[in-house]
Every structure is written in C-alpha cells, then in structure tokens.
Amino acid sequence: MFKKLFGKKEESPKTISVVAPLSGTIKSLEEVPDPVFSQKMMGDGIAIVPDNGKVVSPVDGEIMQLFPTKHAVGIKAANGAELLIHIGLETVSMKGEGFEAHVSEGSKVQAGDPLITFDVRLVEEKAKSTITPIILTNGDDMGELVKKDGTKVEAGSGEILEISSK
C-alpha cells in the first residue's frame, strides 16, 4: 500500500523515435496512390515500398489492433502515439492470403520485434500496390511529428519519424 502512495510513478517518454517497420524505399504520403492516405484522411506519416515481406515493430508499445485479414496492425507507443501500419493498398481483398501474424491484440512489443510476414510477390500480383503507409492516427492528441530524411531503410533500424506528446 505504501509503495503505491509513495512509489515513483513511471514516466512515459515525451518524445519517441519510430524506426522503419520494413526494409525498403521511403516515400512521402502524397506519393501513395490512394486518397485516403495521400490526403492524410487517417493522419500524417510516411510510406515505404518494401524490399521484402518482413514487418517489425517500429516502437516499444502494445498491439492495439490486428486486423483479421492480417494486412494491417495498430500499435500504441509508450508516449501514447497510435501508429497504423497498413501493408499494401487494397490488400484487405486478399482476406489474409499470404499474410502471417506473429503477435496478437494486447501483445507487448519492443522495436524490432516481428509483427507480420507477407508474400511480397502475391501482394504485387493480387493487390493495387505494395506501398505501405505508416500513419500516426491520433495526431490531434500528440505534439510534433518530425519526418526524418532518407531514402533506403532497414527494418528495425533507421529512424523514420519522431513523435512528441503534448
């Protein structure tokens, strides 16, 4: 009881670094051929054209949502930032074919932990594009979003975004 009264409260970090969840080429959201993402209807962020089908956690946090079709995952970072990784465009129509999840809702993850693997060739064949938006979905509740420079990134390393809480 006294520990709760007098114990130190764990401080959540004000600013977090978001590492690349995929290896590939960075693109701006405006380059995504889907207005939902290019017009930032779901929020601001960045996109990656993947070199392979390995998706890792971009932050330390918790899996808040794993879509039943395994084409998208939502993660809440330690500072409250909520990120959506949406693998490819119009991939929901694949109904999970070629996607394998390595986490479930409620899983605690560290940056670099495997989240999803997918068949890039199958996505190229059956979906509109492999381009993968990484979106800050609760940007209105957060502070500053800083996009880092770079063109090629490796999954689990290479900071792509910096997000501050208010």
N, C-alpha and C. Protein backbone atom coordinates (compact mmCIF):
# COMPACT_ATOMS: atom_id res chain seq x y z
N MET A 1 0.82 -1.19 0.00
CA MET A 1 0.00 0.00 0.00
C MET A 1 0.86 1.26 0.00
N PHE A 2 1.88 1.30 0.88
CA PHE A 2 2.74 2.47 0.93
C PHE A 2 3.50 2.67 -0.36
N LYS A 3 3.82 1.55 -1.01
CA LYS A 3 4.56 1.65 -2.28
C LYS A 3 3.71 2.40 -3.31
N LYS A 4 2.41 2.11 -3.29
CA LYS A 4 1.52 2.81 -4.23
C LYS A 4 1.43 4.29 -3.89
N LEU A 5 1.40 4.62 -2.60
CA LEU A 5 1.29 6.01 -2.19
C LEU A 5 2.56 6.80 -2.45
N PHE A 6 3.71 6.17 -2.12
CA PHE A 6 4.96 6.90 -2.17
C PHE A 6 5.91 6.44 -3.28
N GLY A 7 5.51 5.39 -3.98
CA GLY A 7 6.36 4.84 -5.04
C GLY A 7 6.47 5.80 -6.21
N LYS A 8 7.53 5.67 -6.94
CA LYS A 8 7.72 6.53 -8.12
C LYS A 8 6.78 6.10 -9.23
N LYS A 9 6.14 7.07 -9.81
CA LYS A 9 5.28 6.79 -10.96
C LYS A 9 6.17 6.69 -12.20
N GLU A 10 5.92 5.66 -12.98
CA GLU A 10 6.71 5.52 -14.20
C GLU A 10 6.34 6.62 -15.17
N GLU A 11 7.33 7.38 -15.57
CA GLU A 11 7.10 8.46 -16.52
C GLU A 11 7.13 7.89 -17.93
N SER A 12 6.15 8.27 -18.73
CA SER A 12 6.20 7.85 -20.13
C SER A 12 7.03 8.89 -20.88
N PRO A 13 7.78 8.43 -21.87
CA PRO A 13 8.64 9.37 -22.59
C PRO A 13 7.82 10.41 -23.34
N LYS A 14 8.35 11.62 -23.41
CA LYS A 14 7.68 12.70 -24.13
C LYS A 14 7.82 12.52 -25.65
N THR A 15 9.03 12.14 -26.06
CA THR A 15 9.34 12.00 -27.48
C THR A 15 9.83 10.59 -27.76
N ILE A 16 9.32 10.00 -28.81
CA ILE A 16 9.77 8.66 -29.21
C ILE A 16 10.32 8.69 -30.62
N SER A 17 11.23 7.77 -30.87
CA SER A 17 11.75 7.56 -32.22
C SER A 17 11.00 6.38 -32.82
N VAL A 18 10.60 6.53 -34.06
CA VAL A 18 9.93 5.46 -34.79
C VAL A 18 10.92 4.93 -35.81
N VAL A 19 11.27 3.63 -35.67
CA VAL A 19 12.20 3.03 -36.63
C VAL A 19 11.41 2.40 -37.77
N ALA A 20 12.10 2.14 -38.84
CA ALA A 20 11.45 1.57 -40.03
C ALA A 20 10.87 0.19 -39.71
N PRO A 21 9.58 -0.02 -39.97
CA PRO A 21 8.99 -1.34 -39.75
C PRO A 21 9.26 -2.31 -40.90
N LEU A 22 9.75 -1.80 -42.02
CA LEU A 22 10.07 -2.63 -43.18
C LEU A 22 11.37 -2.13 -43.79
N SER A 23 12.06 -3.02 -44.49
CA SER A 23 13.19 -2.61 -45.31
C SER A 23 12.65 -2.16 -46.66
N GLY A 24 13.17 -1.05 -47.16
CA GLY A 24 12.69 -0.60 -48.46
C GLY A 24 13.02 0.85 -48.73
N THR A 25 12.22 1.45 -49.60
CA THR A 25 12.42 2.83 -50.04
C THR A 25 11.34 3.72 -49.45
N ILE A 26 11.78 4.80 -48.80
CA ILE A 26 10.84 5.75 -48.19
C ILE A 26 10.18 6.61 -49.27
N LYS A 27 8.89 6.81 -49.10
CA LYS A 27 8.11 7.71 -49.97
C LYS A 27 7.28 8.63 -49.06
N SER A 28 6.91 9.77 -49.59
CA SER A 28 6.01 10.65 -48.83
C SER A 28 4.59 10.10 -48.96
N LEU A 29 3.73 10.46 -48.01
CA LEU A 29 2.33 10.01 -48.10
C LEU A 29 1.67 10.53 -49.36
N GLU A 30 2.08 11.72 -49.80
CA GLU A 30 1.49 12.29 -51.01
C GLU A 30 1.74 11.41 -52.24
N GLU A 31 2.75 10.55 -52.18
CA GLU A 31 3.07 9.66 -53.30
C GLU A 31 2.27 8.35 -53.28
N VAL A 32 1.50 8.12 -52.22
CA VAL A 32 0.70 6.90 -52.11
C VAL A 32 -0.51 7.02 -53.04
N PRO A 33 -0.70 6.06 -53.97
CA PRO A 33 -1.80 6.17 -54.95
C PRO A 33 -3.17 5.78 -54.38
N ASP A 34 -3.52 6.39 -53.26
CA ASP A 34 -4.82 6.17 -52.63
C ASP A 34 -5.13 7.43 -51.82
N PRO A 35 -6.23 8.14 -52.14
CA PRO A 35 -6.52 9.42 -51.48
C PRO A 35 -6.70 9.31 -49.97
N VAL A 36 -7.12 8.17 -49.46
CA VAL A 36 -7.28 8.00 -48.01
C VAL A 36 -5.95 8.28 -47.32
N PHE A 37 -4.86 7.84 -47.94
CA PHE A 37 -3.54 8.05 -47.36
C PHE A 37 -2.88 9.33 -47.88
N SER A 38 -2.93 9.57 -49.19
CA SER A 38 -2.23 10.73 -49.77
C SER A 38 -2.82 12.06 -49.30
N GLN A 39 -4.12 12.06 -48.98
CA GLN A 39 -4.76 13.28 -48.47
C GLN A 39 -4.80 13.31 -46.94
N LYS A 40 -4.11 12.34 -46.33
CA LYS A 40 -3.94 12.26 -44.87
C LYS A 40 -5.26 12.20 -44.11
N MET A 41 -6.25 11.51 -44.69
CA MET A 41 -7.56 11.39 -44.04
C MET A 41 -7.47 10.62 -42.73
N MET A 42 -6.53 9.68 -42.64
CA MET A 42 -6.37 8.89 -41.42
C MET A 42 -5.28 9.46 -40.52
N GLY A 43 -4.52 10.42 -41.04
CA GLY A 43 -3.44 11.03 -40.26
C GLY A 43 -2.19 11.17 -41.10
N ASP A 44 -1.18 11.82 -40.50
CA ASP A 44 0.08 12.06 -41.18
C ASP A 44 1.03 10.89 -40.94
N GLY A 45 2.07 10.83 -41.73
CA GLY A 45 3.05 9.77 -41.57
C GLY A 45 3.98 9.69 -42.75
N ILE A 46 4.31 8.47 -43.11
CA ILE A 46 5.29 8.21 -44.16
C ILE A 46 4.93 6.87 -44.80
N ALA A 47 5.50 6.55 -45.94
CA ALA A 47 5.24 5.26 -46.58
C ALA A 47 6.56 4.61 -46.97
N ILE A 48 6.53 3.30 -47.08
CA ILE A 48 7.72 2.54 -47.51
C ILE A 48 7.30 1.55 -48.59
N VAL A 49 8.08 1.51 -49.67
CA VAL A 49 7.91 0.47 -50.69
C VAL A 49 8.83 -0.67 -50.24
N PRO A 50 8.25 -1.80 -49.83
CA PRO A 50 9.07 -2.84 -49.19
C PRO A 50 9.96 -3.63 -50.16
N ASP A 51 11.15 -3.99 -49.63
CA ASP A 51 12.08 -4.87 -50.36
C ASP A 51 11.75 -6.34 -50.09
N ASN A 52 11.12 -6.60 -48.93
CA ASN A 52 10.77 -7.98 -48.56
C ASN A 52 9.50 -7.96 -47.72
N GLY A 53 9.07 -9.11 -47.28
CA GLY A 53 7.80 -9.23 -46.58
C GLY A 53 7.90 -9.35 -45.07
N LYS A 54 8.92 -8.74 -44.47
CA LYS A 54 9.08 -8.81 -43.02
C LYS A 54 8.71 -7.47 -42.40
N VAL A 55 7.71 -7.46 -41.51
CA VAL A 55 7.27 -6.25 -40.82
C VAL A 55 7.61 -6.40 -39.34
N VAL A 56 8.34 -5.41 -38.80
CA VAL A 56 8.71 -5.42 -37.38
C VAL A 56 8.10 -4.22 -36.69
N SER A 57 8.07 -4.29 -35.36
CA SER A 57 7.52 -3.17 -34.60
C SER A 57 8.43 -1.94 -34.73
N PRO A 58 7.84 -0.79 -35.03
CA PRO A 58 8.64 0.43 -35.16
C PRO A 58 8.90 1.12 -33.81
N VAL A 59 8.22 0.66 -32.75
CA VAL A 59 8.32 1.29 -31.42
C VAL A 59 8.17 0.24 -30.33
N ASP A 60 8.52 0.62 -29.11
CA ASP A 60 8.16 -0.17 -27.93
C ASP A 60 6.71 0.19 -27.64
N GLY A 61 5.88 -0.82 -27.44
CA GLY A 61 4.48 -0.50 -27.18
C GLY A 61 3.61 -1.73 -27.06
N GLU A 62 2.34 -1.54 -27.38
CA GLU A 62 1.34 -2.60 -27.26
C GLU A 62 0.52 -2.69 -28.55
N ILE A 63 0.23 -3.91 -28.97
CA ILE A 63 -0.61 -4.13 -30.15
C ILE A 63 -2.05 -3.82 -29.75
N MET A 64 -2.61 -2.78 -30.36
CA MET A 64 -3.98 -2.37 -30.04
C MET A 64 -4.98 -3.01 -30.99
N GLN A 65 -4.55 -3.26 -32.22
CA GLN A 65 -5.46 -3.84 -33.21
C GLN A 65 -4.66 -4.65 -34.21
N LEU A 66 -5.13 -5.86 -34.47
CA LEU A 66 -4.59 -6.68 -35.54
C LEU A 66 -5.79 -7.04 -36.40
N PHE A 67 -5.80 -6.55 -37.62
CA PHE A 67 -6.95 -6.80 -38.49
C PHE A 67 -7.07 -8.30 -38.77
N PRO A 68 -8.30 -8.83 -38.85
CA PRO A 68 -8.49 -10.27 -39.09
C PRO A 68 -7.81 -10.74 -40.37
N THR A 69 -7.67 -9.85 -41.35
CA THR A 69 -7.03 -10.19 -42.62
C THR A 69 -5.51 -10.05 -42.56
N LYS A 70 -4.99 -9.64 -41.39
CA LYS A 70 -3.56 -9.53 -41.12
C LYS A 70 -2.80 -8.56 -42.04
N HIS A 71 -3.51 -7.69 -42.74
CA HIS A 71 -2.87 -6.74 -43.65
C HIS A 71 -2.53 -5.42 -42.97
N ALA A 72 -2.96 -5.26 -41.72
CA ALA A 72 -2.72 -4.01 -41.00
C ALA A 72 -2.67 -4.27 -39.50
N VAL A 73 -1.88 -3.44 -38.82
CA VAL A 73 -1.73 -3.58 -37.37
C VAL A 73 -1.63 -2.19 -36.75
N GLY A 74 -2.27 -2.03 -35.59
CA GLY A 74 -2.23 -0.78 -34.84
C GLY A 74 -1.44 -0.96 -33.56
N ILE A 75 -0.54 -0.02 -33.29
CA ILE A 75 0.35 -0.11 -32.12
C ILE A 75 0.25 1.19 -31.33
N LYS A 76 0.18 1.07 -30.00
CA LYS A 76 0.22 2.25 -29.14
C LYS A 76 1.61 2.30 -28.50
N ALA A 77 2.32 3.39 -28.75
CA ALA A 77 3.67 3.58 -28.22
C ALA A 77 3.62 4.06 -26.77
N ALA A 78 4.77 4.02 -26.11
CA ALA A 78 4.87 4.39 -24.70
C ALA A 78 4.42 5.82 -24.41
N ASN A 79 4.55 6.73 -25.37
CA ASN A 79 4.14 8.12 -25.13
C ASN A 79 2.69 8.39 -25.56
N GLY A 80 1.97 7.33 -25.94
CA GLY A 80 0.56 7.49 -26.32
C GLY A 80 0.32 7.58 -27.81
N ALA A 81 1.38 7.70 -28.60
CA ALA A 81 1.22 7.76 -30.06
C ALA A 81 0.62 6.45 -30.57
N GLU A 82 -0.37 6.57 -31.45
CA GLU A 82 -1.01 5.39 -32.04
C GLU A 82 -0.64 5.33 -33.51
N LEU A 83 0.03 4.23 -33.88
CA LEU A 83 0.52 4.06 -35.24
C LEU A 83 -0.21 2.94 -35.95
N LEU A 84 -0.51 3.16 -37.21
CA LEU A 84 -1.11 2.14 -38.05
C LEU A 84 -0.11 1.79 -39.15
N ILE A 85 0.17 0.51 -39.30
CA ILE A 85 0.99 0.03 -40.41
C ILE A 85 0.03 -0.71 -41.33
N HIS A 86 -0.16 -0.18 -42.54
CA HIS A 86 -1.11 -0.75 -43.50
C HIS A 86 -0.32 -1.33 -44.66
N ILE A 87 -0.20 -2.65 -44.70
CA ILE A 87 0.64 -3.32 -45.70
C ILE A 87 -0.05 -3.32 -47.06
N GLY A 88 0.52 -2.59 -48.00
CA GLY A 88 -0.02 -2.54 -49.35
C GLY A 88 -1.33 -1.78 -49.44
N LEU A 89 -1.84 -1.67 -50.66
CA LEU A 89 -3.11 -0.99 -50.92
C LEU A 89 -4.12 -1.99 -51.47
N GLU A 90 -5.33 -1.91 -50.94
CA GLU A 90 -6.43 -2.82 -51.32
C GLU A 90 -6.07 -4.28 -51.01
N THR A 91 -5.26 -4.47 -49.96
CA THR A 91 -4.86 -5.82 -49.55
C THR A 91 -5.94 -6.50 -48.70
N VAL A 92 -6.90 -5.73 -48.21
CA VAL A 92 -7.99 -6.33 -47.43
C VAL A 92 -8.73 -7.36 -48.29
N SER A 93 -8.78 -7.14 -49.60
CA SER A 93 -9.47 -8.05 -50.51
C SER A 93 -8.78 -9.42 -50.60
N MET A 94 -7.53 -9.51 -50.13
CA MET A 94 -6.81 -10.79 -50.15
C MET A 94 -7.27 -11.72 -49.02
N LYS A 95 -8.05 -11.18 -48.09
CA LYS A 95 -8.65 -11.96 -46.99
C LYS A 95 -7.61 -12.75 -46.19
N GLY A 96 -6.43 -12.17 -46.01
CA GLY A 96 -5.40 -12.81 -45.19
C GLY A 96 -4.47 -13.74 -45.95
N GLU A 97 -4.78 -14.02 -47.22
CA GLU A 97 -3.93 -14.91 -48.01
C GLU A 97 -2.54 -14.30 -48.18
N GLY A 98 -1.52 -15.07 -47.81
CA GLY A 98 -0.14 -14.61 -47.94
C GLY A 98 0.36 -13.80 -46.76
N PHE A 99 -0.46 -13.63 -45.72
CA PHE A 99 -0.07 -12.87 -44.53
C PHE A 99 -0.03 -13.79 -43.32
N GLU A 100 0.98 -13.63 -42.47
CA GLU A 100 1.09 -14.40 -41.23
C GLU A 100 1.42 -13.45 -40.09
N ALA A 101 0.58 -13.47 -39.05
CA ALA A 101 0.81 -12.61 -37.88
C ALA A 101 1.66 -13.33 -36.85
N HIS A 102 2.56 -12.59 -36.20
CA HIS A 102 3.41 -13.15 -35.15
C HIS A 102 3.07 -12.56 -33.79
N VAL A 103 2.02 -11.74 -33.73
CA VAL A 103 1.55 -11.11 -32.50
C VAL A 103 0.02 -11.19 -32.47
N SER A 104 -0.54 -10.83 -31.32
CA SER A 104 -2.00 -10.74 -31.22
C SER A 104 -2.32 -9.45 -30.46
N GLU A 105 -3.59 -9.07 -30.48
CA GLU A 105 -4.01 -7.86 -29.77
C GLU A 105 -3.64 -8.01 -28.30
N GLY A 106 -3.09 -6.95 -27.73
CA GLY A 106 -2.67 -6.96 -26.33
C GLY A 106 -1.21 -7.35 -26.14
N SER A 107 -0.56 -7.85 -27.18
CA SER A 107 0.86 -8.21 -27.07
C SER A 107 1.70 -6.98 -26.79
N LYS A 108 2.67 -7.12 -25.88
CA LYS A 108 3.66 -6.06 -25.64
C LYS A 108 4.80 -6.32 -26.60
N VAL A 109 5.29 -5.28 -27.26
CA VAL A 109 6.36 -5.43 -28.25
C VAL A 109 7.47 -4.42 -28.02
N GLN A 110 8.65 -4.78 -28.46
CA GLN A 110 9.81 -3.89 -28.47
C GLN A 110 10.09 -3.54 -29.93
N ALA A 111 10.70 -2.39 -30.16
CA ALA A 111 11.09 -2.01 -31.51
C ALA A 111 11.96 -3.12 -32.10
N GLY A 112 11.61 -3.57 -33.30
CA GLY A 112 12.36 -4.63 -33.97
C GLY A 112 11.73 -6.01 -33.84
N ASP A 113 10.75 -6.18 -32.94
CA ASP A 113 10.08 -7.48 -32.80
C ASP A 113 9.26 -7.78 -34.06
N PRO A 114 9.28 -9.05 -34.53
CA PRO A 114 8.47 -9.41 -35.71
C PRO A 114 6.97 -9.23 -35.44
N LEU A 115 6.26 -8.61 -36.38
CA LEU A 115 4.81 -8.43 -36.27
C LEU A 115 4.08 -9.29 -37.28
N ILE A 116 4.44 -9.14 -38.54
CA ILE A 116 3.74 -9.82 -39.64
C ILE A 116 4.77 -10.17 -40.71
N THR A 117 4.59 -11.32 -41.34
CA THR A 117 5.32 -11.59 -42.57
C THR A 117 4.29 -11.76 -43.68
N PHE A 118 4.69 -11.35 -44.88
CA PHE A 118 3.76 -11.46 -46.01
C PHE A 118 4.53 -11.78 -47.28
N ASP A 119 3.81 -12.32 -48.24
CA ASP A 119 4.37 -12.72 -49.54
C ASP A 119 4.30 -11.51 -50.48
N VAL A 120 5.46 -10.86 -50.67
CA VAL A 120 5.51 -9.64 -51.49
C VAL A 120 5.02 -9.91 -52.91
N ARG A 121 5.44 -11.04 -53.49
CA ARG A 121 5.03 -11.35 -54.88
C ARG A 121 3.51 -11.51 -54.99
N LEU A 122 2.92 -12.16 -54.00
CA LEU A 122 1.48 -12.35 -54.01
C LEU A 122 0.75 -11.00 -53.89
N VAL A 123 1.26 -10.11 -53.04
CA VAL A 123 0.66 -8.78 -52.90
C VAL A 123 0.81 -8.01 -54.21
N GLU A 124 1.99 -8.10 -54.85
CA GLU A 124 2.19 -7.43 -56.15
C GLU A 124 1.18 -7.93 -57.18
N GLU A 125 0.89 -9.23 -57.11
CA GLU A 125 0.00 -9.87 -58.09
C GLU A 125 -1.48 -9.57 -57.81
N LYS A 126 -1.88 -9.58 -56.54
CA LYS A 126 -3.31 -9.53 -56.21
C LYS A 126 -3.81 -8.18 -55.67
N ALA A 127 -2.91 -7.30 -55.27
CA ALA A 127 -3.35 -6.02 -54.71
C ALA A 127 -2.94 -4.86 -55.62
N LYS A 128 -3.39 -3.67 -55.28
CA LYS A 128 -3.10 -2.49 -56.09
C LYS A 128 -1.63 -2.09 -56.03
N SER A 129 -1.02 -2.24 -54.84
CA SER A 129 0.36 -1.81 -54.64
C SER A 129 0.92 -2.44 -53.37
N THR A 130 2.26 -2.52 -53.29
CA THR A 130 2.90 -3.00 -52.06
C THR A 130 3.25 -1.83 -51.13
N ILE A 131 3.10 -0.60 -51.60
CA ILE A 131 3.48 0.56 -50.78
C ILE A 131 2.75 0.49 -49.43
N THR A 132 3.50 0.72 -48.35
CA THR A 132 2.98 0.51 -47.00
C THR A 132 3.01 1.81 -46.20
N PRO A 133 1.85 2.43 -45.99
CA PRO A 133 1.79 3.64 -45.17
C PRO A 133 1.98 3.32 -43.68
N ILE A 134 2.70 4.19 -42.99
CA ILE A 134 2.85 4.14 -41.53
C ILE A 134 2.27 5.46 -41.05
N ILE A 135 1.12 5.39 -40.37
CA ILE A 135 0.31 6.57 -40.07
C ILE A 135 0.21 6.80 -38.56
N LEU A 136 0.35 8.06 -38.15
CA LEU A 136 0.05 8.47 -36.78
C LEU A 136 -1.44 8.79 -36.77
N THR A 137 -2.25 7.89 -36.20
CA THR A 137 -3.71 8.04 -36.30
C THR A 137 -4.29 8.98 -35.25
N ASN A 138 -3.54 9.28 -34.19
CA ASN A 138 -4.06 10.19 -33.17
C ASN A 138 -3.22 11.47 -33.10
N GLY A 139 -2.85 11.98 -34.25
CA GLY A 139 -2.00 13.17 -34.34
C GLY A 139 -2.58 14.38 -33.64
N ASP A 140 -3.91 14.49 -33.59
CA ASP A 140 -4.53 15.64 -32.92
C ASP A 140 -4.26 15.63 -31.42
N ASP A 141 -4.01 14.44 -30.86
CA ASP A 141 -3.74 14.31 -29.42
C ASP A 141 -2.26 14.40 -29.09
N MET A 142 -1.43 14.43 -30.13
CA MET A 142 0.02 14.41 -29.93
C MET A 142 0.60 15.79 -30.24
N GLY A 143 1.89 15.93 -29.98
CA GLY A 143 2.59 17.18 -30.28
C GLY A 143 3.13 17.16 -31.69
N GLU A 144 4.44 17.29 -31.82
CA GLU A 144 5.08 17.42 -33.12
C GLU A 144 5.41 16.06 -33.75
N LEU A 145 5.26 15.98 -35.06
CA LEU A 145 5.65 14.82 -35.86
C LEU A 145 6.77 15.29 -36.79
N VAL A 146 7.96 14.69 -36.64
CA VAL A 146 9.10 15.07 -37.47
C VAL A 146 9.46 13.89 -38.36
N LYS A 147 9.47 14.14 -39.67
CA LYS A 147 9.85 13.11 -40.63
C LYS A 147 11.35 13.18 -40.86
N LYS A 148 12.02 12.04 -40.79
CA LYS A 148 13.47 12.00 -40.94
C LYS A 148 13.84 11.83 -42.40
N ASP A 149 14.97 12.39 -42.77
CA ASP A 149 15.46 12.27 -44.14
C ASP A 149 15.99 10.87 -44.39
N GLY A 150 15.96 10.48 -45.63
CA GLY A 150 16.50 9.18 -46.01
C GLY A 150 15.69 8.62 -47.16
N THR A 151 16.30 7.70 -47.87
CA THR A 151 15.59 7.08 -48.98
C THR A 151 15.48 5.58 -48.79
N LYS A 152 16.57 4.94 -48.37
CA LYS A 152 16.55 3.49 -48.13
C LYS A 152 16.63 3.23 -46.63
N VAL A 153 15.83 2.29 -46.15
CA VAL A 153 15.84 1.96 -44.72
C VAL A 153 15.86 0.45 -44.54
N GLU A 154 16.36 0.05 -43.36
CA GLU A 154 16.37 -1.36 -42.96
C GLU A 154 15.36 -1.54 -41.84
N ALA A 155 14.60 -2.63 -41.87
CA ALA A 155 13.61 -2.91 -40.83
C ALA A 155 14.29 -2.97 -39.47
N GLY A 156 13.69 -2.29 -38.48
CA GLY A 156 14.18 -2.33 -37.12
C GLY A 156 15.29 -1.34 -36.81
N SER A 157 15.76 -0.63 -37.83
CA SER A 157 16.77 0.40 -37.58
C SER A 157 16.45 1.56 -38.52
N GLY A 158 17.13 2.64 -38.35
CA GLY A 158 16.85 3.78 -39.21
C GLY A 158 15.59 4.49 -38.77
N GLU A 159 15.77 5.60 -38.06
CA GLU A 159 14.65 6.38 -37.57
C GLU A 159 13.94 7.05 -38.75
N ILE A 160 12.61 6.84 -38.83
CA ILE A 160 11.84 7.44 -39.92
C ILE A 160 10.96 8.60 -39.43
N LEU A 161 10.56 8.53 -38.15
CA LEU A 161 9.72 9.58 -37.57
C LEU A 161 10.15 9.83 -36.13
N GLU A 162 9.84 11.03 -35.65
CA GLU A 162 9.99 11.35 -34.24
C GLU A 162 8.67 11.97 -33.83
N ILE A 163 8.08 11.45 -32.76
CA ILE A 163 6.75 11.92 -32.35
C ILE A 163 6.82 12.38 -30.90
N SER A 164 6.36 13.60 -30.65
CA SER A 164 6.34 14.17 -29.31
C SER A 164 4.91 14.17 -28.78
N SER A 165 4.79 13.98 -27.47
CA SER A 165 3.46 14.11 -26.86
C SER A 165 3.28 15.58 -26.46
N LYS A 166 2.04 15.97 -26.23
CA LYS A 166 1.74 17.37 -25.87
C LYS A 166 2.20 17.65 -24.46
